[in-house]
């Protein structure tokens, strides 16, 4: 790395320290902290930086779960006993069409960082496009924390669907209006580039009475939308929208030898009954649990600080980090659904297919232990992990 880039990265990390919030094993960036005045006005990221010693330190080499280790865990590649992080190398090989990542602010080294990530893990060279939703380059998202969100999102969408085109659609800010404008731009991009694809949104905010009026942004035909369920107990929007696949979190557990054993609910994962969204038809089979309102999440993926993933960012941090949260789940599940190749006509159709697989262990792994807030993972659908986690590409 050139000296100038390294110094800039060190200074950028230093500028984040005063605004970060320590929680458990990780640090929440400023972008992930919702203030009272933000509710209904600005959205926030749903990731944490793994920092058990209380400070963020970039690594020269990747650490944490890798595309190969989690592809093994989720049955996306030929199985290796125990799916060890250091001994599993097969990566996904599917994907086509377009996955649009919608985030706020600019990430100037997005293309080169994605190439570094891809090369490190033996993934196909990325087909990557960066678009400014407003037509003008946004300000750098480093100090706020949005830039690392962008790193995580494009890298893990590519990890799960390496042959899909990954589009980073950058909103001018994290205001609701700017991000929804970016979703509209994502819809237009997909319509102009094949007409089918996925949109991933690793952000959200507290529910408001007016949220249902925003559901219209997630309704383009032949597009499936994914939204993170959040990194604390409860429900956030747009995860609560009836027009998205709500992405929840699990913890990947390994024994002392590093072998995968099982998954449990992530204790800090979001989920629950929406206050304002009515129960959609795809949740009729779980009406006895959710009642008359929409329940979240729908489908889950590794999100825990006990099983963080490797992410590369040169511009702000100067190397590799371990990151976790349901921001991992949304782009990863978007990639898996893309690679499954069914390309359903809407999120509702996608969810209908997913909910139709409840109890089918050949397509889903039910998560039956662990808790999130006042909820517990149980047999069948629950407020911590939804229907469970993927097991291969079937039923998606």
Protein backbone atom coordinates (compact mmCIF):
# COMPACT_ATOMS: atom_id res chain seq x y z
CA UNK A 1 0.00 0.00 0.00
CA UNK A 2 1.25 3.47 -0.85
CA UNK A 3 2.27 5.60 2.13
CA UNK A 4 -0.28 8.30 1.35
CA UNK A 5 -3.17 5.85 1.35
CA UNK A 6 -1.96 4.27 4.59
CA UNK A 7 -1.68 7.64 6.37
CA UNK A 8 -5.12 8.66 5.13
CA UNK A 9 -6.56 5.39 6.38
CA UNK A 10 -4.98 5.81 9.83
CA UNK A 11 -6.30 9.37 10.13
CA UNK A 12 -9.76 8.28 9.00
CA UNK A 13 -9.90 5.51 11.60
CA UNK A 14 -8.74 7.95 14.27
CA UNK A 15 -11.56 10.34 13.36
CA UNK A 16 -14.12 7.59 13.98
CA UNK A 17 -13.10 6.80 17.54
CA UNK A 18 -14.96 9.54 19.39
CA UNK A 19 -18.27 8.74 17.67
CA UNK A 20 -18.20 4.96 17.94
CA UNK A 21 -20.16 2.99 20.47
CA UNK A 22 -18.74 -0.08 22.18
CA UNK A 23 -21.10 -3.04 22.48
CA UNK A 24 -20.15 -6.61 23.35
CA UNK A 25 -17.46 -7.94 21.04
CA UNK A 26 -17.80 -5.11 18.59
CA UNK A 27 -17.82 -1.42 17.84
CA UNK A 28 -20.81 0.22 16.23
CA UNK A 29 -19.76 2.96 13.78
CA UNK A 30 -21.47 6.37 13.80
CA UNK A 31 -23.55 5.25 10.83
CA UNK A 32 -25.14 2.57 13.00
CA UNK A 33 -26.30 4.82 15.84
CA UNK A 34 -29.84 6.15 15.58
CA UNK A 35 -30.59 9.42 17.39
CA UNK A 36 -34.16 10.42 18.34
CA UNK A 37 -34.20 13.12 15.68
CA UNK A 38 -33.26 10.55 13.02
CA UNK A 39 -36.45 8.48 13.31
CA UNK A 40 -38.35 8.64 10.05
CA UNK A 41 -35.70 10.92 8.54
CA UNK A 42 -32.41 8.98 8.25
CA UNK A 43 -31.44 5.33 7.94
CA UNK A 44 -28.58 3.54 9.68
CA UNK A 45 -26.20 0.69 8.95
CA UNK A 46 -26.57 -2.73 10.55
CA UNK A 47 -23.02 -3.93 11.13
CA UNK A 48 -20.37 -3.95 13.85
CA UNK A 49 -16.61 -4.21 13.67
CA UNK A 50 -15.24 -7.16 15.62
CA UNK A 51 -12.88 -5.58 18.17
CA UNK A 52 -12.70 -7.65 21.38
CA UNK A 53 -9.88 -5.44 22.70
CA UNK A 54 -11.94 -2.31 22.26
CA UNK A 55 -10.13 -0.78 19.30
CA UNK A 56 -10.24 -1.16 15.53
CA UNK A 57 -7.05 -2.56 14.05
CA UNK A 58 -6.77 -3.49 10.39
CA UNK A 59 -5.12 -6.84 9.67
CA UNK A 60 -2.54 -7.61 6.99
CA UNK A 61 -4.29 -10.91 6.25
CA UNK A 62 -7.96 -11.92 6.38
CA UNK A 63 -9.48 -13.44 9.50
CA UNK A 64 -12.97 -14.70 10.26
CA UNK A 65 -15.38 -16.71 8.16
CA UNK A 66 -14.62 -16.80 4.43
CA UNK A 67 -16.71 -17.27 1.28
CA UNK A 68 -15.57 -20.90 1.18
CA UNK A 69 -16.24 -21.69 4.85
CA UNK A 70 -19.77 -20.29 4.79
CA UNK A 71 -20.53 -21.75 1.36
CA UNK A 72 -19.67 -25.10 2.93
CA UNK A 73 -21.81 -24.42 6.01
CA UNK A 74 -24.81 -23.57 3.82
CA UNK A 75 -24.41 -26.46 1.41
CA UNK A 76 -23.55 -24.33 -1.60
CA UNK A 77 -20.37 -26.24 -2.54
CA UNK A 78 -19.16 -29.84 -2.21
CA UNK A 79 -18.94 -30.61 1.47
CA UNK A 80 -15.74 -30.77 3.49
CA UNK A 81 -16.00 -32.42 6.90
CA UNK A 82 -16.36 -29.71 9.53
CA UNK A 83 -16.19 -26.85 6.98
CA UNK A 84 -13.03 -25.52 8.67
CA UNK A 85 -12.10 -21.93 7.88
CA UNK A 86 -8.49 -22.82 7.14
CA UNK A 87 -9.20 -26.06 5.29
CA UNK A 88 -12.13 -25.23 3.02
CA UNK A 89 -11.39 -23.71 -0.38
CA UNK A 90 -14.31 -24.38 -2.74
CA UNK A 91 -16.29 -21.20 -3.40
CA UNK A 92 -19.66 -20.63 -5.08
CA UNK A 93 -19.59 -20.54 -8.87
CA UNK A 94 -23.11 -19.39 -9.72
CA UNK A 95 -24.88 -16.13 -10.31
CA UNK A 96 -26.13 -14.17 -13.29
CA UNK A 97 -27.98 -10.99 -14.01
CA UNK A 98 -27.75 -8.06 -11.61
CA UNK A 99 -27.52 -7.54 -7.85
CA UNK A 100 -27.76 -3.88 -6.87
CA UNK A 101 -26.35 -2.83 -3.51
CA UNK A 102 -27.97 0.38 -2.28
CA UNK A 103 -25.90 2.33 0.25
CA UNK A 104 -25.14 5.93 1.16
CA UNK A 105 -22.10 8.09 0.35
CA UNK A 106 -19.05 7.33 -1.78
CA UNK A 107 -16.50 4.53 -1.67
CA UNK A 108 -13.63 5.62 -3.94
CA UNK A 109 -11.69 2.34 -3.87
CA UNK A 110 -14.69 0.05 -4.22
CA UNK A 111 -13.59 -1.56 -7.49
CA UNK A 112 -10.00 -2.26 -6.44
CA UNK A 113 -11.01 -3.47 -2.97
CA UNK A 114 -13.52 -5.89 -4.46
CA UNK A 115 -10.80 -7.18 -6.79
CA UNK A 116 -8.49 -7.72 -3.80
CA UNK A 117 -11.22 -9.60 -1.90
CA UNK A 118 -12.06 -11.70 -4.94
CA UNK A 119 -8.46 -12.60 -5.67
CA UNK A 120 -7.75 -13.46 -2.04
CA UNK A 121 -10.49 -16.08 -1.93
CA UNK A 122 -10.19 -17.49 -5.44
CA UNK A 123 -13.43 -16.02 -6.73
CA UNK A 124 -14.00 -15.16 -10.40
CA UNK A 125 -13.01 -11.63 -11.36
CA UNK A 126 -15.87 -9.31 -10.42
CA UNK A 127 -18.19 -7.71 -12.93
CA UNK A 128 -18.62 -4.49 -10.99
CA UNK A 129 -20.26 -1.14 -11.69
CA UNK A 130 -20.42 1.92 -9.43
CA UNK A 131 -23.28 4.38 -9.97
CA UNK A 132 -24.08 7.73 -8.33
CA UNK A 133 -27.84 7.66 -7.84
CA UNK A 134 -28.20 11.46 -7.95
CA UNK A 135 -25.86 11.83 -10.91
CA UNK A 136 -23.17 13.47 -8.80
CA UNK A 137 -20.43 11.87 -6.71
CA UNK A 138 -21.45 11.80 -3.03
CA UNK A 139 -19.09 12.77 -0.23
CA UNK A 140 -16.74 10.07 1.10
CA UNK A 141 -18.46 7.66 3.47
CA UNK A 142 -15.36 6.83 5.50
CA UNK A 143 -15.82 8.91 8.65
CA UNK A 144 -19.49 8.07 9.06
CA UNK A 145 -18.94 4.33 8.71
CA UNK A 146 -21.00 3.92 5.55
CA UNK A 147 -17.93 3.08 3.48
CA UNK A 148 -17.23 -0.13 5.38
CA UNK A 149 -20.89 -1.05 4.93
CA UNK A 150 -20.33 -0.75 1.20
CA UNK A 151 -17.21 -2.95 1.40
CA UNK A 152 -19.11 -5.64 3.26
CA UNK A 153 -22.10 -5.54 0.94
CA UNK A 154 -20.38 -5.71 -2.44
CA UNK A 155 -17.83 -8.29 -1.28
CA UNK A 156 -20.32 -10.72 0.21
CA UNK A 157 -22.89 -10.38 -2.56
CA UNK A 158 -20.04 -11.24 -4.96
CA UNK A 159 -18.91 -14.07 -2.69
CA UNK A 160 -22.29 -15.81 -2.93
CA UNK A 161 -23.01 -14.96 -6.59
CA UNK A 162 -19.61 -14.41 -8.22
CA UNK A 163 -20.91 -14.41 -11.79
CA UNK A 164 -23.63 -11.83 -11.22
CA UNK A 165 -22.97 -8.19 -12.02
CA UNK A 166 -22.58 -6.32 -8.72
CA UNK A 167 -23.77 -2.72 -8.87
CA UNK A 168 -23.01 -0.30 -6.04
CA UNK A 169 -25.74 2.34 -6.16
CA UNK A 170 -24.55 5.23 -4.01
CA UNK A 171 -27.16 7.55 -2.48
CA UNK A 172 -26.17 11.16 -1.88
CA UNK A 173 -26.77 10.78 1.88
CA UNK A 174 -28.38 8.46 4.42
CA UNK A 175 -31.65 10.41 4.43
CA UNK A 176 -34.73 8.35 3.73
CA UNK A 177 -35.45 10.41 0.64
CA UNK A 178 -31.94 9.93 -0.80
CA UNK A 179 -31.91 6.18 -0.14
CA UNK A 180 -35.37 5.67 -1.63
CA UNK A 181 -34.26 7.68 -4.66
CA UNK A 182 -31.31 5.28 -4.91
CA UNK A 183 -33.69 2.30 -4.76
CA UNK A 184 -35.65 3.87 -7.62
CA UNK A 185 -32.38 4.26 -9.53
CA UNK A 186 -31.59 0.60 -8.78
CA UNK A 187 -34.96 -0.40 -10.21
CA UNK A 188 -34.24 1.59 -13.36
CA UNK A 189 -30.78 0.05 -13.70
CA UNK A 190 -32.14 -3.48 -13.47
CA UNK A 191 -34.91 -2.68 -15.98
CA UNK A 192 -32.28 -1.45 -18.44
CA UNK A 193 -29.94 -4.42 -17.89
CA UNK A 194 -31.95 -7.57 -18.36
CA UNK A 195 -35.00 -6.73 -16.27
CA UNK A 196 -34.45 -9.25 -13.45
CA UNK A 197 -32.34 -9.16 -10.32
CA UNK A 198 -32.04 -8.40 -6.64
CA UNK A 199 -31.69 -5.25 -4.54
CA UNK A 200 -29.90 -5.47 -1.18
CA UNK A 201 -30.39 -2.90 1.59
CA UNK A 202 -28.22 -3.35 4.69
CA UNK A 203 -29.77 -0.46 6.57
CA UNK A 204 -32.89 0.54 8.40
CA UNK A 205 -34.51 2.66 11.05
CA UNK A 206 -37.23 2.60 13.66
CA UNK A 207 -40.74 1.97 12.43
CA UNK A 208 -43.06 4.93 11.88
CA UNK A 209 -46.78 5.28 11.16
CA UNK A 210 -46.07 6.50 7.65
CA UNK A 211 -43.78 3.62 6.64
CA UNK A 212 -46.36 1.74 4.58
CA UNK A 213 -46.35 4.62 2.09
CA UNK A 214 -42.72 3.70 1.31
CA UNK A 215 -43.53 0.08 0.47
CA UNK A 216 -44.12 1.23 -3.11
CA UNK A 217 -40.37 1.53 -3.71
CA UNK A 218 -39.96 -2.25 -3.46
CA UNK A 219 -42.50 -3.34 -6.08
CA UNK A 220 -40.76 -3.47 -9.45
CA UNK A 221 -41.71 -6.64 -11.32
CA UNK A 222 -38.98 -9.29 -11.50
CA UNK A 223 -36.96 -7.71 -8.69
CA UNK A 224 -36.56 -9.27 -5.22
CA UNK A 225 -35.60 -6.93 -2.38
CA UNK A 226 -33.60 -7.87 0.73
CA UNK A 227 -33.37 -5.80 3.93
CA UNK A 228 -31.41 -6.42 7.12
CA UNK A 229 -33.57 -7.23 10.16
CA UNK A 230 -31.34 -5.21 12.51
CA UNK A 231 -28.70 -5.71 15.17
CA UNK A 232 -30.80 -5.34 18.30
CA UNK A 233 -34.06 -6.95 19.40
CA UNK A 234 -37.12 -5.48 17.74
CA UNK A 235 -38.31 -4.51 14.28
CA UNK A 236 -36.86 -1.96 11.85
CA UNK A 237 -37.92 -0.67 8.46
CA UNK A 238 -37.61 -1.52 5.54
CA UNK A 239 -37.11 -5.01 6.96
CA UNK A 240 -40.74 -4.79 8.11
CA UNK A 241 -42.04 -4.05 4.63
CA UNK A 242 -44.29 -6.74 3.18
CA UNK A 243 -42.41 -6.20 -0.09
CA UNK A 244 -38.96 -7.38 1.04
CA UNK A 245 -37.24 -10.53 2.22
CA UNK A 246 -36.26 -9.72 5.80
CA UNK A 247 -32.72 -11.00 6.48
CA UNK A 248 -32.15 -12.21 10.04
CA UNK A 249 -29.07 -13.37 11.91
CA UNK A 250 -27.61 -16.59 13.29
CA UNK A 251 -24.41 -17.61 15.04
CA UNK A 252 -22.17 -20.21 13.40
CA UNK A 253 -20.75 -22.40 16.15
CA UNK A 254 -17.46 -24.29 15.94
CA UNK A 255 -15.75 -26.72 18.33
CA UNK A 256 -12.24 -26.39 19.75
CA UNK A 257 -10.85 -27.94 16.57
CA UNK A 258 -12.49 -25.28 14.42
CA UNK A 259 -15.08 -27.63 12.95
CA UNK A 260 -18.61 -26.41 12.32
CA UNK A 261 -21.11 -27.93 14.76
CA UNK A 262 -24.40 -26.06 14.44
CA UNK A 263 -26.12 -22.68 14.33
CA UNK A 264 -28.09 -20.86 16.97
CA UNK A 265 -30.07 -17.63 16.94
CA UNK A 266 -27.89 -14.53 17.21
CA UNK A 267 -28.65 -12.96 20.58
CA UNK A 268 -28.58 -9.41 19.16
CA UNK A 269 -30.53 -10.16 16.01
CA UNK A 270 -33.60 -8.13 15.11
CA UNK A 271 -37.04 -9.62 14.77
CA UNK A 272 -40.61 -9.36 15.96
CA UNK A 273 -44.06 -8.17 14.94
CA UNK A 274 -44.35 -4.98 12.92
CA UNK A 275 -46.46 -2.28 14.51
CA UNK A 276 -47.85 -1.01 11.22
CA UNK A 277 -47.51 -3.61 8.44
CA UNK A 278 -50.38 -6.06 8.07
CA UNK A 279 -49.65 -9.77 7.84
CA UNK A 280 -48.83 -10.67 4.21
CA UNK A 281 -50.34 -13.69 2.50
CA UNK A 282 -47.04 -15.57 2.53
CA UNK A 283 -47.20 -15.63 6.35
CA UNK A 284 -50.65 -17.21 6.52
CA UNK A 285 -49.06 -20.49 7.56
CA UNK A 286 -47.54 -18.79 10.64
CA UNK A 287 -50.52 -16.60 11.50
CA UNK A 288 -50.78 -18.31 14.86
CA UNK A 289 -47.38 -16.81 15.73
CA UNK A 290 -47.41 -13.41 14.05
CA UNK A 291 -51.09 -12.61 14.49
CA UNK A 292 -52.47 -9.87 12.25
CA UNK A 293 -49.15 -8.11 11.61
CA UNK A 294 -46.09 -8.85 9.51
CA UNK A 295 -43.42 -10.79 11.40
CA UNK A 296 -39.68 -10.56 10.79
CA UNK A 297 -37.27 -12.03 9.75
CA UNK A 298 -38.00 -14.37 6.84
CA UNK A 299 -34.66 -16.10 6.18
CA UNK A 300 -31.36 -15.89 8.07
CA UNK A 301 -27.59 -16.09 7.65
CA UNK A 302 -24.48 -15.84 9.81
CA UNK A 303 -24.40 -12.45 11.58
CA UNK A 304 -22.85 -13.01 15.02
CA UNK A 305 -19.78 -11.49 16.62
CA UNK A 306 -18.78 -15.05 17.50
CA UNK A 307 -18.58 -15.82 13.77
CA UNK A 308 -17.62 -12.58 12.00
CA UNK A 309 -16.67 -12.47 8.33
CA UNK A 310 -13.60 -11.17 6.52
CA UNK A 311 -13.95 -7.78 4.78
CA UNK A 312 -11.34 -5.72 2.94
CA UNK A 313 -11.21 -1.91 2.88
CA UNK A 314 -8.11 0.04 1.83
CA UNK A 315 -9.40 3.61 1.66
CA UNK A 316 -10.62 4.03 5.22
CA UNK A 317 -9.06 1.21 7.24
CA UNK A 318 -6.02 0.12 5.26
CA UNK A 319 -6.55 -3.64 5.30
CA UNK A 320 -8.67 -6.55 6.49
CA UNK A 321 -11.32 -6.39 9.22
CA UNK A 322 -13.71 -8.84 10.82
CA UNK A 323 -17.27 -7.59 10.56
CA UNK A 324 -20.64 -8.91 11.69
CA UNK A 325 -24.33 -8.02 11.92
CA UNK A 326 -27.37 -8.57 9.74
CA UNK A 327 -25.60 -6.41 7.14
CA UNK A 328 -23.81 -9.67 6.34
CA UNK A 329 -27.12 -11.47 5.89
CA UNK A 330 -28.85 -9.21 3.35
CA UNK A 331 -26.21 -9.19 0.56
CA UNK A 332 -25.26 -12.83 1.19
CA UNK A 333 -28.86 -14.02 0.93
CA UNK A 334 -29.37 -11.84 -2.14
CA UNK A 335 -26.38 -13.64 -3.67
CA UNK A 336 -27.66 -17.09 -2.75
CA UNK A 337 -31.12 -16.37 -4.16
CA UNK A 338 -29.51 -14.97 -7.30
CA UNK A 339 -27.41 -18.11 -7.72
CA UNK A 340 -30.47 -20.31 -7.15
CA UNK A 341 -31.68 -18.89 -10.46
CA UNK A 342 -35.45 -18.93 -9.92
CA UNK A 343 -35.73 -15.13 -10.33
CA UNK A 344 -39.19 -14.80 -8.85
CA UNK A 345 -41.42 -11.96 -10.01
CA UNK A 346 -41.50 -10.22 -6.62
CA UNK A 347 -40.34 -10.45 -3.02
CA UNK A 348 -43.77 -11.80 -2.13
CA UNK A 349 -43.36 -14.61 -4.66
CA UNK A 350 -39.86 -15.32 -3.31
CA UNK A 351 -41.15 -15.43 0.25
CA UNK A 352 -44.05 -17.64 -0.79
CA UNK A 353 -41.53 -20.14 -2.17
CA UNK A 354 -39.34 -19.90 0.95
CA UNK A 355 -42.25 -20.30 3.38
CA UNK A 356 -43.46 -23.25 1.36
CA UNK A 357 -40.24 -25.04 2.31
CA UNK A 358 -40.80 -24.87 6.09
CA UNK A 359 -39.96 -28.30 7.45
CA UNK A 360 -38.11 -29.41 4.30
CA UNK A 361 -34.64 -30.18 5.63
CA UNK A 362 -33.28 -30.73 2.12
CA UNK A 363 -33.72 -27.00 1.39
CA UNK A 364 -33.66 -25.30 4.79
CA UNK A 365 -31.99 -25.84 8.14
CA UNK A 366 -34.33 -24.99 10.99
CA UNK A 367 -32.66 -23.11 13.86
CA UNK A 368 -34.20 -24.35 17.09
CA UNK A 369 -31.98 -22.96 19.86
CA UNK A 370 -30.78 -19.60 21.06
CA UNK A 371 -32.72 -16.40 21.63
CA UNK A 372 -32.97 -12.76 20.58
CA UNK A 373 -34.35 -10.37 23.15
CA UNK A 374 -37.58 -11.82 24.52
CA UNK A 375 -37.93 -14.30 21.65
CA UNK A 376 -36.49 -17.79 21.29
CA UNK A 377 -35.64 -19.91 18.28
CA UNK A 378 -38.03 -22.86 18.08
CA UNK A 379 -39.05 -25.61 15.72
CA UNK A 380 -40.58 -24.02 12.63
CA UNK A 381 -40.82 -20.29 12.02
CA UNK A 382 -39.76 -17.93 14.82
CA UNK A 383 -39.04 -14.23 15.46
CA UNK A 384 -35.27 -14.79 15.70
CA UNK A 385 -34.42 -16.69 12.52
CA UNK A 386 -37.64 -16.85 10.48
CA UNK A 387 -37.83 -20.12 8.54
CA UNK A 388 -34.15 -20.84 9.30
CA UNK A 389 -31.09 -20.75 7.02
CA UNK A 390 -30.38 -21.98 3.49
CA UNK A 391 -29.35 -25.57 2.84
CA UNK A 392 -28.28 -25.53 -0.77
CA UNK A 393 -30.10 -23.72 -3.57
CA UNK A 394 -33.37 -25.68 -3.56
CA UNK A 395 -36.66 -23.98 -2.71
CA UNK A 396 -35.31 -20.48 -3.31
